[in-house]
Structure formats: structure tokens, C-alpha cells
PDB file of N, CA and C in Angstrom:
ATOM      1  N   MET A   1     122.312 334.217 202.782  1.00  0.00           N
ATOM      2  CA  MET A   1     121.431 333.072 202.957  1.00  0.00           C
ATOM      3  C   MET A   1     121.833 332.008 201.934  1.00  0.00           C
ATOM      4  N   ASN A   2     121.973 330.782 202.383  1.00  0.00           N
ATOM      5  CA  ASN A   2     122.398 329.768 201.426  1.00  0.00           C
ATOM      6  C   ASN A   2     121.200 329.220 200.643  1.00  0.00           C
ATOM      7  N   TRP A   3     121.485 328.488 199.589  1.00  0.00           N
ATOM      8  CA  TRP A   3     120.474 328.047 198.629  1.00  0.00           C
ATOM      9  C   TRP A   3     119.413 327.170 199.283  1.00  0.00           C
ATOM     10  N   ASN A   4     119.812 326.226 200.154  1.00  0.00           N
ATOM     11  CA  ASN A   4     118.844 325.323 200.782  1.00  0.00           C
ATOM     12  C   ASN A   4     117.873 326.086 201.673  1.00  0.00           C
ATOM     13  N   LYS A   5     118.363 327.063 202.412  1.00  0.00           N
ATOM     14  CA  LYS A   5     117.481 327.855 203.267  1.00  0.00           C
ATOM     15  C   LYS A   5     116.509 328.663 202.420  1.00  0.00           C
ATOM     16  N   ARG A   6     116.980 329.170 201.299  1.00  0.00           N
ATOM     17  CA  ARG A   6     116.113 329.956 200.410  1.00  0.00           C
ATOM     18  C   ARG A   6     115.000 329.085 199.838  1.00  0.00           C
ATOM     19  N   VAL A   7     115.325 327.853 199.439  1.00  0.00           N
ATOM     20  CA  VAL A   7     114.307 326.944 198.894  1.00  0.00           C
ATOM     21  C   VAL A   7     113.277 326.612 199.966  1.00  0.00           C
ATOM     22  N   ARG A   8     113.730 326.375 201.194  1.00  0.00           N
ATOM     23  CA  ARG A   8     112.796 326.086 202.293  1.00  0.00           C
ATOM     24  C   ARG A   8     111.867 327.278 202.551  1.00  0.00           C
ATOM     25  N   GLN A   9     112.417 328.483 202.523  1.00  0.00           N
ATOM     26  CA  GLN A   9     111.595 329.678 202.743  1.00  0.00           C
ATOM     27  C   GLN A   9     110.584 329.850 201.614  1.00  0.00           C
ATOM     28  N   ILE A  10     111.011 329.642 200.387  1.00  0.00           N
ATOM     29  CA  ILE A  10     110.099 329.723 199.243  1.00  0.00           C
ATOM     30  C   ILE A  10     108.991 328.682 199.384  1.00  0.00           C
ATOM     31  N   HIS A  11     109.359 327.478 199.805  1.00  0.00           N
ATOM     32  CA  HIS A  11     108.383 326.405 199.992  1.00  0.00           C
ATOM     33  C   HIS A  11     107.346 326.788 201.047  1.00  0.00           C
ATOM     34  N   ARG A  12     107.795 327.402 202.124  1.00  0.00           N
ATOM     35  CA  ARG A  12     106.861 327.842 203.179  1.00  0.00           C
ATOM     36  C   ARG A  12     105.882 328.883 202.645  1.00  0.00           C
ATOM     37  N   TRP A  13     106.384 329.886 201.932  1.00  0.00           N
ATOM     38  CA  TRP A  13     105.510 330.935 201.415  1.00  0.00           C
ATOM     39  C   TRP A  13     104.574 330.397 200.341  1.00  0.00           C
ATOM     40  N   LEU A  14     105.051 329.460 199.537  1.00  0.00           N
ATOM     41  CA  LEU A  14     104.181 328.847 198.539  1.00  0.00           C
ATOM     42  C   LEU A  14     103.058 328.057 199.198  1.00  0.00           C
ATOM     43  N   SER A  15     103.357 327.401 200.314  1.00  0.00           N
ATOM     44  CA  SER A  15     102.313 326.642 201.003  1.00  0.00           C
ATOM     45  C   SER A  15     101.241 327.585 201.540  1.00  0.00           C
ATOM     46  N   ILE A  16     101.643 328.759 202.008  1.00  0.00           N
ATOM     47  CA  ILE A  16     100.660 329.744 202.464  1.00  0.00           C
ATOM     48  C   ILE A  16      99.815 330.225 201.290  1.00  0.00           C
ATOM     49  N   ALA A  17     100.457 330.523 200.174  1.00  0.00           N
ATOM     50  CA  ALA A  17      99.724 330.978 198.985  1.00  0.00           C
ATOM     51  C   ALA A  17      98.770 329.899 198.491  1.00  0.00           C
ATOM     52  N   PHE A  18      99.201 328.654 198.503  1.00  0.00           N
ATOM     53  CA  PHE A  18      98.349 327.548 198.073  1.00  0.00           C
ATOM     54  C   PHE A  18      97.132 327.421 198.983  1.00  0.00           C
ATOM     55  N   THR A  19      97.358 327.506 200.290  1.00  0.00           N
ATOM     56  CA  THR A  19      96.259 327.394 201.244  1.00  0.00           C
ATOM     57  C   THR A  19      95.241 328.516 201.049  1.00  0.00           C
ATOM     58  N   VAL A  20      95.726 329.723 200.833  1.00  0.00           N
ATOM     59  CA  VAL A  20      94.823 330.868 200.627  1.00  0.00           C
ATOM     60  C   VAL A  20      94.006 330.671 199.354  1.00  0.00           C
ATOM     61  N   THR A  21      94.629 330.201 198.295  1.00  0.00           N
ATOM     62  CA  THR A  21      93.887 330.006 197.044  1.00  0.00           C
ATOM     63  C   THR A  21      92.858 328.885 197.168  1.00  0.00           C
ATOM     64  N   VAL A  22      93.166 327.846 197.925  1.00  0.00           N
ATOM     65  CA  VAL A  22      92.197 326.765 198.122  1.00  0.00           C
ATOM     66  C   VAL A  22      91.011 327.261 198.952  1.00  0.00           C
ATOM     67  N   VAL A  23      91.277 328.028 200.004  1.00  0.00           N
ATOM     68  CA  VAL A  23      90.194 328.587 200.815  1.00  0.00           C
ATOM     69  C   VAL A  23      89.338 329.523 199.963  1.00  0.00           C
ATOM     70  N   ALA A  24      89.963 330.350 199.155  1.00  0.00           N
ATOM     71  CA  ALA A  24      89.212 331.254 198.270  1.00  0.00           C
ATOM     72  C   ALA A  24      88.365 330.460 197.281  1.00  0.00           C
ATOM     73  N   ASN A  25      88.882 329.349 196.839  1.00  0.00           N
ATOM     74  CA  ASN A  25      88.140 328.487 195.915  1.00  0.00           C
ATOM     75  C   ASN A  25      86.892 327.925 196.592  1.00  0.00           C
ATOM     76  N   PHE A  26      87.018 327.462 197.836  1.00  0.00           N
ATOM     77  CA  PHE A  26      85.858 326.938 198.549  1.00  0.00           C
ATOM     78  C   PHE A  26      84.821 328.034 198.810  1.00  0.00           C
ATOM     79  N   VAL A  27      85.281 329.216 199.167  1.00  0.00           N
ATOM     80  CA  VAL A  27      84.358 330.331 199.404  1.00  0.00           C
ATOM     81  C   VAL A  27      83.631 330.683 198.106  1.00  0.00           C
ATOM     82  N   ALA A  28      84.355 330.739 197.016  1.00  0.00           N
ATOM     83  CA  ALA A  28      83.737 331.073 195.735  1.00  0.00           C
ATOM     84  C   ALA A  28      82.739 330.000 195.307  1.00  0.00           C
ATOM     85  N   GLN A  29      83.050 328.743 195.577  1.00  0.00           N
ATOM     86  CA  GLN A  29      82.136 327.649 195.234  1.00  0.00           C
ATOM     87  C   GLN A  29      80.852 327.743 196.057  1.00  0.00           C
ATOM     88  N   ALA A  30      80.989 328.168 197.312  1.00  0.00           N
ATOM     89  CA  ALA A  30      79.808 328.286 198.179  1.00  0.00           C
ATOM     90  C   ALA A  30      78.894 329.425 197.735  1.00  0.00           C
ATOM     91  N   LEU A  31      79.467 330.427 197.099  1.00  0.00           N
ATOM     92  CA  LEU A  31      78.683 331.582 196.664  1.00  0.00           C
ATOM     93  C   LEU A  31      78.055 331.403 195.290  1.00  0.00           C
ATOM     94  N   GLY A  32      78.376 330.335 194.604  1.00  0.00           N
ATOM     95  CA  GLY A  32      77.821 330.106 193.272  1.00  0.00           C
ATOM     96  C   GLY A  32      78.899 329.582 192.350  1.00  0.00           C
ATOM     97  N   GLU A  33      78.641 329.693 191.076  1.00  0.00           N
ATOM     98  CA  GLU A  33      79.600 329.214 190.075  1.00  0.00           C
ATOM     99  C   GLU A  33      80.779 330.185 189.986  1.00  0.00           C
ATOM    100  N   PRO A  34      81.982 329.725 190.394  1.00  0.00           N
ATOM    101  CA  PRO A  34      83.139 330.634 190.378  1.00  0.00           C
ATOM    102  C   PRO A  34      83.736 330.762 188.971  1.00  0.00           C
ATOM    103  N   PRO A  35      84.407 331.866 188.703  1.00  0.00           N
ATOM    104  CA  PRO A  35      85.087 332.009 187.412  1.00  0.00           C
ATOM    105  C   PRO A  35      86.280 331.050 187.318  1.00  0.00           C
ATOM    106  N   ALA A  36      86.690 330.772 186.118  1.00  0.00           N
ATOM    107  CA  ALA A  36      87.784 329.822 185.888  1.00  0.00           C
ATOM    108  C   ALA A  36      89.074 330.280 186.558  1.00  0.00           C
ATOM    109  N   LEU A  37      89.293 331.583 186.636  1.00  0.00           N
ATOM    110  CA  LEU A  37      90.504 332.099 187.274  1.00  0.00           C
ATOM    111  C   LEU A  37      90.596 331.634 188.725  1.00  0.00           C
ATOM    112  N   VAL A  38      89.476 331.646 189.428  1.00  0.00           N
ATOM    113  CA  VAL A  38      89.460 331.212 190.827  1.00  0.00           C
ATOM    114  C   VAL A  38      89.626 329.700 190.921  1.00  0.00           C
ATOM    115  N   VAL A  39      88.992 328.985 190.026  1.00  0.00           N
ATOM    116  CA  VAL A  39      89.046 327.518 190.066  1.00  0.00           C
ATOM    117  C   VAL A  39      90.472 327.016 189.846  1.00  0.00           C
ATOM    118  N   TYR A  40      91.187 327.618 188.909  1.00  0.00           N
ATOM    119  CA  TYR A  40      92.528 327.138 188.567  1.00  0.00           C
ATOM    120  C   TYR A  40      93.643 327.867 189.309  1.00  0.00           C
ATOM    121  N   SER A  41      93.305 328.809 190.169  1.00  0.00           N
ATOM    122  CA  SER A  41      94.340 329.571 190.871  1.00  0.00           C
ATOM    123  C   SER A  41      95.221 328.742 191.808  1.00  0.00           C
ATOM    124  N   PRO A  42      94.766 327.615 192.390  1.00  0.00           N
ATOM    125  CA  PRO A  42      95.679 326.824 193.225  1.00  0.00           C
ATOM    126  C   PRO A  42      96.750 326.061 192.451  1.00  0.00           C
ATOM    127  N   LEU A  43      96.599 325.926 191.159  1.00  0.00           N
ATOM    128  CA  LEU A  43      97.534 325.088 190.405  1.00  0.00           C
ATOM    129  C   LEU A  43      98.965 325.626 190.314  1.00  0.00           C
ATOM    130  N   PRO A  44      99.198 326.906 190.020  1.00  0.00           N
ATOM    131  CA  PRO A  44     100.599 327.363 189.956  1.00  0.00           C
ATOM    132  C   PRO A  44     101.369 327.174 191.266  1.00  0.00           C
ATOM    133  N   PRO A  45     100.805 327.548 192.440  1.00  0.00           N
ATOM    134  CA  PRO A  45     101.565 327.283 193.667  1.00  0.00           C
ATOM    135  C   PRO A  45     101.750 325.788 193.918  1.00  0.00           C
ATOM    136  N   LEU A  46     100.764 324.988 193.506  1.00  0.00           N
ATOM    137  CA  LEU A  46     100.874 323.546 193.715  1.00  0.00           C
ATOM    138  C   LEU A  46     102.039 322.960 192.908  1.00  0.00           C
ATOM    139  N   PHE A  47     102.187 323.372 191.660  1.00  0.00           N
ATOM    140  CA  PHE A  47     103.290 322.867 190.847  1.00  0.00           C
ATOM    141  C   PHE A  47     104.644 323.331 191.387  1.00  0.00           C
ATOM    142  N   LEU A  48     104.702 324.577 191.838  1.00  0.00           N
ATOM    143  CA  LEU A  48     105.956 325.057 192.428  1.00  0.00           C
ATOM    144  C   LEU A  48     106.255 324.331 193.734  1.00  0.00           C
ATOM    145  N   LEU A  49     105.223 324.014 194.521  1.00  0.00           N
ATOM    146  CA  LEU A  49     105.419 323.224 195.735  1.00  0.00           C
ATOM    147  C   LEU A  49     105.949 321.839 195.400  1.00  0.00           C
ATOM    148  N   LEU A  50     105.487 321.281 194.299  1.00  0.00           N
ATOM    149  CA  LEU A  50     105.979 319.973 193.865  1.00  0.00           C
ATOM    150  C   LEU A  50     107.480 320.009 193.626  1.00  0.00           C
ATOM    151  N   PHE A  51     107.948 321.016 192.905  1.00  0.00           N
ATOM    152  CA  PHE A  51     109.368 321.084 192.583  1.00  0.00           C
ATOM    153  C   PHE A  51     110.233 321.380 193.806  1.00  0.00           C
ATOM    154  N   THR A  52     109.794 322.317 194.649  1.00  0.00           N
ATOM    155  CA  THR A  52     110.585 322.613 195.843  1.00  0.00           C
ATOM    156  C   THR A  52     110.546 321.443 196.813  1.00  0.00           C
ATOM    157  N   GLY A  53     109.419 320.767 196.904  1.00  0.00           N
ATOM    158  CA  GLY A  53     109.317 319.599 197.781  1.00  0.00           C
ATOM    159  C   GLY A  53     110.198 318.460 197.313  1.00  0.00           C
ATOM    160  N   LEU A  54     110.216 318.215 196.011  1.00  0.00           N
ATOM    161  CA  LEU A  54     111.095 317.161 195.482  1.00  0.00           C
ATOM    162  C   LEU A  54     112.564 317.507 195.705  1.00  0.00           C
ATOM    163  N   TYR A  55     112.907 318.771 195.551  1.00  0.00           N
ATOM    164  CA  TYR A  55     114.285 319.199 195.800  1.00  0.00           C
ATOM    165  C   TYR A  55     114.679 318.916 197.241  1.00  0.00           C
ATOM    166  N   MET A  56     113.797 319.279 198.178  1.00  0.00           N
ATOM    167  CA  MET A  56     114.118 319.054 199.595  1.00  0.00           C
ATOM    168  C   MET A  56     114.114 317.568 199.942  1.00  0.00           C
ATOM    169  N   PHE A  57     113.305 316.775 199.227  1.00  0.00           N
ATOM    170  CA  PHE A  57     113.276 315.337 199.461  1.00  0.00           C
ATOM    171  C   PHE A  57     114.594 314.683 199.058  1.00  0.00           C
ATOM    172  N   VAL A  58     115.179 315.150 197.964  1.00  0.00           N
ATOM    173  CA  VAL A  58     116.404 314.556 197.434  1.00  0.00           C
ATOM    174  C   VAL A  58     117.658 315.049 198.171  1.00  0.00           C
ATOM    175  N   LEU A  59     117.559 316.189 198.842  1.00  0.00           N
ATOM    176  CA  LEU A  59     118.726 316.780 199.509  1.00  0.00           C
ATOM    177  C   LEU A  59     119.502 315.820 200.412  1.00  0.00           C
ATOM    178  N   PRO A  60     118.863 315.087 201.319  1.00  0.00           N
ATOM    179  CA  PRO A  60     119.652 314.216 202.203  1.00  0.00           C
ATOM    180  C   PRO A  60     120.420 313.135 201.450  1.00  0.00           C
ATOM    181  N   TYR A  61     119.855 312.636 200.365  1.00  0.00           N
ATOM    182  CA  TYR A  61     120.522 311.587 199.602  1.00  0.00           C
ATOM    183  C   TYR A  61     121.736 312.129 198.852  1.00  0.00           C
ATOM    184  N   THR A  62     121.616 313.328 198.317  1.00  0.00           N
ATOM    185  CA  THR A  62     122.753 313.910 197.611  1.00  0.00           C
ATOM    186  C   THR A  62     123.832 314.368 198.578  1.00  0.00           C
ATOM    187  N   ALA A  63     123.443 314.763 199.783  1.00  0.00           N
ATOM    188  CA  ALA A  63     124.434 315.181 200.777  1.00  0.00           C
ATOM    189  C   ALA A  63     125.287 314.006 201.217  1.00  0.00           C
ATOM    190  N   LYS A  64     124.679 312.820 201.335  1.00  0.00           N
ATOM    191  CA  LYS A  64     125.444 311.628 201.707  1.00  0.00           C
ATOM    192  C   LYS A  64     126.453 311.276 200.626  1.00  0.00           C
ATOM    193  N   GLU A  65     126.035 311.403 199.374  1.00  0.00           N
ATOM    194  CA  GLU A  65     126.947 311.085 198.276  1.00  0.00           C
ATOM    195  C   GLU A  65     128.097 312.077 198.207  1.00  0.00           C
ATOM    196  N   ARG A  66     127.811 313.346 198.450  1.00  0.00           N
ATOM    197  CA  ARG A  66     128.865 314.362 198.392  1.00  0.00           C
ATOM    198  C   ARG A  66     129.862 314.212 199.527  1.00  0.00           C
ATOM    199  N   SER A  67     129.396 313.728 200.684  1.00  0.00           N
ATOM    200  CA  SER A  67     130.301 313.592 201.824  1.00  0.00           C
ATOM    201  C   SER A  67     131.115 312.310 201.755  1.00  0.00           C
ATOM    202  N   GLY A  68     130.753 311.424 200.834  1.00  0.00           N
ATOM    203  CA  GLY A  68     131.496 310.186 200.678  1.00  0.00           C
ATOM    204  C   GLY A  68     131.013 309.078 201.579  1.00  0.00           C
ATOM    205  N   ARG A  69     129.983 309.335 202.361  1.00  0.00           N
ATOM    206  CA  ARG A  69     129.426 308.312 203.230  1.00  0.00           C
ATOM    207  C   ARG A  69     128.446 307.449 202.448  1.00  0.00           C
ATOM    208  N   HIS A  70     128.391 306.173 202.818  1.00  0.00           N
ATOM    209  CA  HIS A  70     127.468 305.253 202.179  1.00  0.00           C
ATOM    210  C   HIS A  70     126.487 304.759 203.226  1.00  0.00           C
ATOM    211  N   PRO A  71     125.263 304.396 202.793  1.00  0.00           N
ATOM    212  CA  PRO A  71     124.315 303.824 203.747  1.00  0.00           C
ATOM    213  C   PRO A  71     124.852 302.545 204.355  1.00  0.00           C
ATOM    214  N   VAL A  72     124.396 302.196 205.536  1.00  0.00           N
ATOM    215  CA  VAL A  72     124.879 301.009 206.244  1.00  0.00           C
ATOM    216  C   VAL A  72     124.551 299.776 205.416  1.00  0.00           C
ATOM    217  N   GLY A  73     125.514 298.890 205.290  1.00  0.00           N
ATOM    218  CA  GLY A  73     125.334 297.648 204.552  1.00  0.00           C
ATOM    219  C   GLY A  73     125.654 297.747 203.076  1.00  0.00           C
ATOM    220  N   GLN A  74     125.994 298.919 202.589  1.00  0.00           N
ATOM    221  CA  GLN A  74     126.309 299.060 201.161  1.00  0.00           C
ATOM    222  C   GLN A  74     127.708 299.630 200.985  1.00  0.00           C
ATOM    223  N   GLU A  75     128.665 299.046 201.653  1.00  0.00           N
ATOM    224  CA  GLU A  75     130.042 299.533 201.555  1.00  0.00           C
ATOM    225  C   GLU A  75     130.816 298.800 200.505  1.00  0.00           C
TER     226      GLU A  75
END
């Protein structure tokens, strides 16, 4: 498996983990005052999603530079 596919797969699983932690947070809030562990549990997947998302965002721009192609009008 190449590196880009691995990052995309990690990003997908992190999004599932983030969604589960947010849902658990809402359920805990509905039941009363939740512990701090539940309140802050969405943050680690969110930060990892930030980094993997930024990596995937930059990929097309770096691929153009590596292939030697330039955007239209900037030759």
C-alpha cells in the first residue's frame, strides 16, 4: 500500500472515531454533567484529522511541481 492511500485510510478511520466521540459527548451531556475525559475526547482525533486533511489538501499542488507541469498562465 502506498503512502497516500495509507493517509487516506487513516483519515477515514479518524473521522469515524471523531464522530463516535462527538456522539458520546452529546449523550453524556444529555445525561448530566459529563467527566472531563468525555468532554475532551474528540480533540485528539480532531487534531490528527487536521494534519491528515492538510496533507491531502497539499498533495495535488506538490504533484504538479514534481511532474514539472505548471498551472495555466504561469509558464
